[in-house]
Amino acid sequence: MKINAVTVFCGSKPGNDAAYVNEAKTLGKMLANKGITLVYGGGNKGIMGAVANAGLAAGGIVIGIIPKLLLEWEAQHEGLTELIVTESMHSRKLLLYDKCDVAIVLPGGMGTMDELFEMLTWNNLGIHQKKVYILNVNGCYNALIQLFDTMDQQGFMYENWRNRLIECDSINSLMDVLS
């Protein structure tokens, strides 16, 4: 399958480890260099801003999708290829899913988890069949991965969760899997 567009879910804060922002910048640049459109939450702060700015600096197409509610709070990015403003968080997530071939999850907080879990749930229900890649920068998601393993061991998963959520520990391993 040829990948034309990737949605990146990530934090509007930079986190406490500089590697989070550095990996986001590397991802933005690599997607642009491969001619893959970057779709993301539309903010200009934190990891969101880092991935978008790196993609733009490398000449890539970057589409931001932000709900009216978050225009001021997330400091929407003014220099994007396209900024789409939605009426609600739900319509934002729907567009984030619709516009991508695959999703990549970088470090983030509650909003990132909401996006990840909704995409995995929709995937599980057959609403879409898009792969989701989680970039486990410096073990940021080790506890989450352990939780998925526990839910699987306790009989709460319908299938092997690793078929839909692919863990990568570096940008290079992520790009190898995407190729």
Protein backbone atom coordinates (compact mmCIF):
# COMPACT_ATOMS: atom_id res chain seq x y z
CA MET A 1 0.00 0.00 0.00
CA LYS A 2 1.34 3.41 -0.97
CA ILE A 3 1.14 5.92 1.85
CA ASN A 4 0.14 9.39 0.66
CA ALA A 5 -0.88 10.96 3.98
CA VAL A 6 -0.07 10.31 7.63
CA THR A 7 -1.97 11.67 10.60
CA VAL A 8 0.24 12.36 13.59
CA PHE A 9 -1.29 12.43 17.05
CA CYS A 10 0.91 14.17 19.61
CA GLY A 11 1.09 16.59 22.49
CA SER A 12 0.58 20.34 22.42
CA LYS A 13 3.25 20.45 25.14
CA PRO A 14 6.91 19.50 24.56
CA GLY A 15 7.19 17.08 27.48
CA ASN A 16 10.17 16.82 29.80
CA ASP A 17 12.51 14.89 27.49
CA ALA A 18 14.11 16.83 24.60
CA ALA A 19 14.03 13.60 22.58
CA TYR A 20 10.26 13.97 22.14
CA VAL A 21 10.61 17.23 20.20
CA ASN A 22 13.73 16.03 18.38
CA GLU A 23 12.00 12.87 17.14
CA ALA A 24 8.97 14.94 16.08
CA LYS A 25 11.22 17.22 14.04
CA THR A 26 12.92 14.24 12.43
CA LEU A 27 9.54 12.70 11.57
CA GLY A 28 8.22 15.93 10.03
CA LYS A 29 11.32 16.26 7.88
CA MET A 30 11.31 12.59 6.80
CA LEU A 31 7.64 12.68 5.81
CA ALA A 32 8.23 15.81 3.73
CA ASN A 33 11.29 14.28 2.08
CA LYS A 34 9.23 11.22 1.11
CA GLY A 35 6.43 13.38 -0.31
CA ILE A 36 3.96 12.21 2.35
CA THR A 37 1.37 14.75 3.49
CA LEU A 38 1.40 15.40 7.24
CA VAL A 39 -2.02 15.77 8.84
CA TYR A 40 -2.16 16.78 12.51
CA GLY A 41 -4.08 18.74 15.15
CA GLY A 42 -3.29 22.23 13.85
CA GLY A 43 -1.42 23.64 16.84
CA ASN A 44 1.85 25.58 16.88
CA LYS A 45 3.07 24.57 20.33
CA GLY A 46 4.87 21.59 21.80
CA ILE A 47 5.38 18.43 19.81
CA MET A 48 2.58 19.46 17.44
CA GLY A 49 4.40 22.62 16.46
CA ALA A 50 7.72 20.80 16.15
CA VAL A 51 6.48 18.15 13.72
CA ALA A 52 4.57 20.70 11.61
CA ASN A 53 7.39 23.25 11.47
CA ALA A 54 9.94 20.60 10.49
CA GLY A 55 7.65 19.33 7.73
CA LEU A 56 7.09 22.83 6.40
CA ALA A 57 10.80 23.71 6.58
CA ALA A 58 11.54 20.63 4.47
CA GLY A 59 9.01 21.72 1.83
CA GLY A 60 6.26 19.30 2.82
CA ILE A 61 2.50 19.60 2.72
CA VAL A 62 1.13 20.07 6.24
CA ILE A 63 -2.60 20.10 6.97
CA GLY A 64 -3.83 21.13 10.42
CA ILE A 65 -7.29 20.31 11.72
CA ILE A 66 -8.42 22.20 14.81
CA PRO A 67 -11.82 22.75 16.44
CA LYS A 68 -13.05 26.29 17.11
CA LEU A 69 -12.88 25.54 20.82
CA LEU A 70 -9.08 25.18 20.70
CA LEU A 71 -8.17 28.02 18.37
CA GLU A 72 -6.72 30.22 21.12
CA TRP A 73 -5.75 27.52 23.58
CA GLU A 74 -3.57 25.56 21.14
CA ALA A 75 -2.29 28.66 19.33
CA GLN A 76 -3.25 27.51 15.87
CA HIS A 77 -0.51 27.41 13.30
CA GLU A 78 -0.75 30.30 10.84
CA GLY A 79 1.80 29.04 8.30
CA LEU A 80 0.33 25.69 7.27
CA THR A 81 -0.42 24.49 3.77
CA GLU A 82 -4.04 24.26 4.95
CA LEU A 83 -5.79 24.85 8.28
CA ILE A 84 -9.25 23.34 8.66
CA VAL A 85 -11.41 24.61 11.52
CA THR A 86 -14.13 22.22 12.69
CA GLU A 87 -17.19 22.73 14.85
CA SER A 88 -16.32 20.03 17.39
CA MET A 89 -13.63 17.70 18.69
CA HIS A 90 -15.54 14.76 17.20
CA SER A 91 -15.63 16.25 13.71
CA ARG A 92 -11.92 17.06 14.09
CA LYS A 93 -11.07 13.43 14.88
CA LEU A 94 -13.23 12.19 12.02
CA LEU A 95 -11.31 14.38 9.55
CA LEU A 96 -7.96 13.38 11.08
CA TYR A 97 -8.88 9.74 10.40
CA ASP A 98 -10.43 10.30 6.99
CA LYS A 99 -7.47 12.22 5.58
CA CYS A 100 -4.80 9.62 6.39
CA ASP A 101 -3.65 6.24 5.19
CA VAL A 102 -2.00 5.44 8.54
CA ALA A 103 -1.62 7.16 11.90
CA ILE A 104 1.49 7.74 14.00
CA VAL A 105 1.27 8.41 17.73
CA LEU A 106 4.07 10.47 19.26
CA PRO A 107 4.28 11.30 22.97
CA GLY A 108 1.37 13.31 24.31
CA GLY A 109 -1.25 13.62 27.01
CA MET A 110 -4.97 13.01 27.40
CA GLY A 111 -5.90 14.35 23.96
CA THR A 112 -3.36 12.08 22.30
CA MET A 113 -4.70 9.10 24.26
CA ASP A 114 -8.28 10.01 23.29
CA GLU A 115 -7.30 10.05 19.62
CA LEU A 116 -5.35 6.81 19.90
CA PHE A 117 -8.12 4.93 21.69
CA GLU A 118 -10.87 6.17 19.40
CA MET A 119 -8.89 5.19 16.31
CA LEU A 120 -8.15 1.73 17.76
CA THR A 121 -11.80 1.28 18.75
CA TRP A 122 -13.01 2.25 15.28
CA ASN A 123 -10.44 -0.11 13.84
CA ASN A 124 -11.62 -2.92 16.13
CA LEU A 125 -15.25 -2.30 15.09
CA GLY A 126 -14.37 -2.38 11.38
CA ILE A 127 -15.16 1.29 10.79
CA HIS A 128 -11.74 1.51 9.17
CA GLN A 129 -8.70 -0.76 8.75
CA LYS A 130 -5.91 1.78 9.09
CA LYS A 131 -2.71 0.81 10.86
CA VAL A 132 -1.61 2.82 13.87
CA TYR A 133 2.08 3.17 14.73
CA ILE A 134 3.18 4.23 18.19
CA LEU A 135 6.61 5.83 18.45
CA ASN A 136 7.77 4.78 21.90
CA VAL A 137 10.42 7.48 22.34
CA ASN A 138 12.70 6.61 25.28
CA GLY A 139 10.06 4.24 26.66
CA CYS A 140 7.38 6.92 26.98
CA TYR A 141 4.66 4.37 26.23
CA ASN A 142 6.08 1.33 28.07
CA ALA A 143 3.31 1.42 30.69
CA LEU A 144 0.61 1.71 28.01
CA ILE A 145 2.05 -1.23 26.09
CA GLN A 146 2.15 -3.23 29.32
CA LEU A 147 -1.52 -2.32 29.90
CA PHE A 148 -2.46 -3.60 26.41
CA ASP A 149 -0.60 -6.85 27.14
CA THR A 150 -2.45 -7.18 30.46
CA MET A 151 -5.84 -6.55 28.80
CA ASP A 152 -4.95 -9.21 26.23
CA GLN A 153 -3.81 -11.70 28.89
CA GLN A 154 -7.01 -11.09 30.84
CA GLY A 155 -9.16 -11.88 27.79
CA PHE A 156 -10.43 -8.39 26.93
CA MET A 157 -9.01 -8.15 23.39
CA TYR A 158 -10.79 -9.58 20.36
CA GLU A 159 -7.55 -10.12 18.47
CA ASN A 160 -3.83 -9.60 18.89
CA TRP A 161 -3.64 -5.86 19.49
CA ARG A 162 -0.17 -5.76 17.93
CA ASN A 163 -1.77 -6.40 14.52
CA ARG A 164 -3.29 -2.90 14.63
CA LEU A 165 -0.97 -0.94 16.90
CA ILE A 166 2.64 -1.35 15.82
CA GLU A 167 5.26 -0.27 18.33
CA CYS A 168 8.43 1.37 17.04
CA ASP A 169 11.25 2.60 19.24
CA SER A 170 12.90 4.97 16.75
CA ILE A 171 12.15 7.00 13.64
CA ASN A 172 14.36 4.66 11.62
CA SER A 173 12.42 1.57 12.71
CA LEU A 174 9.17 3.43 12.02
CA MET A 175 10.29 4.38 8.50
CA ASP A 176 11.44 0.80 7.85
CA VAL A 177 7.98 -0.50 8.79
CA LEU A 178 6.20 2.17 6.71
CA SER A 179 8.29 1.42 3.60
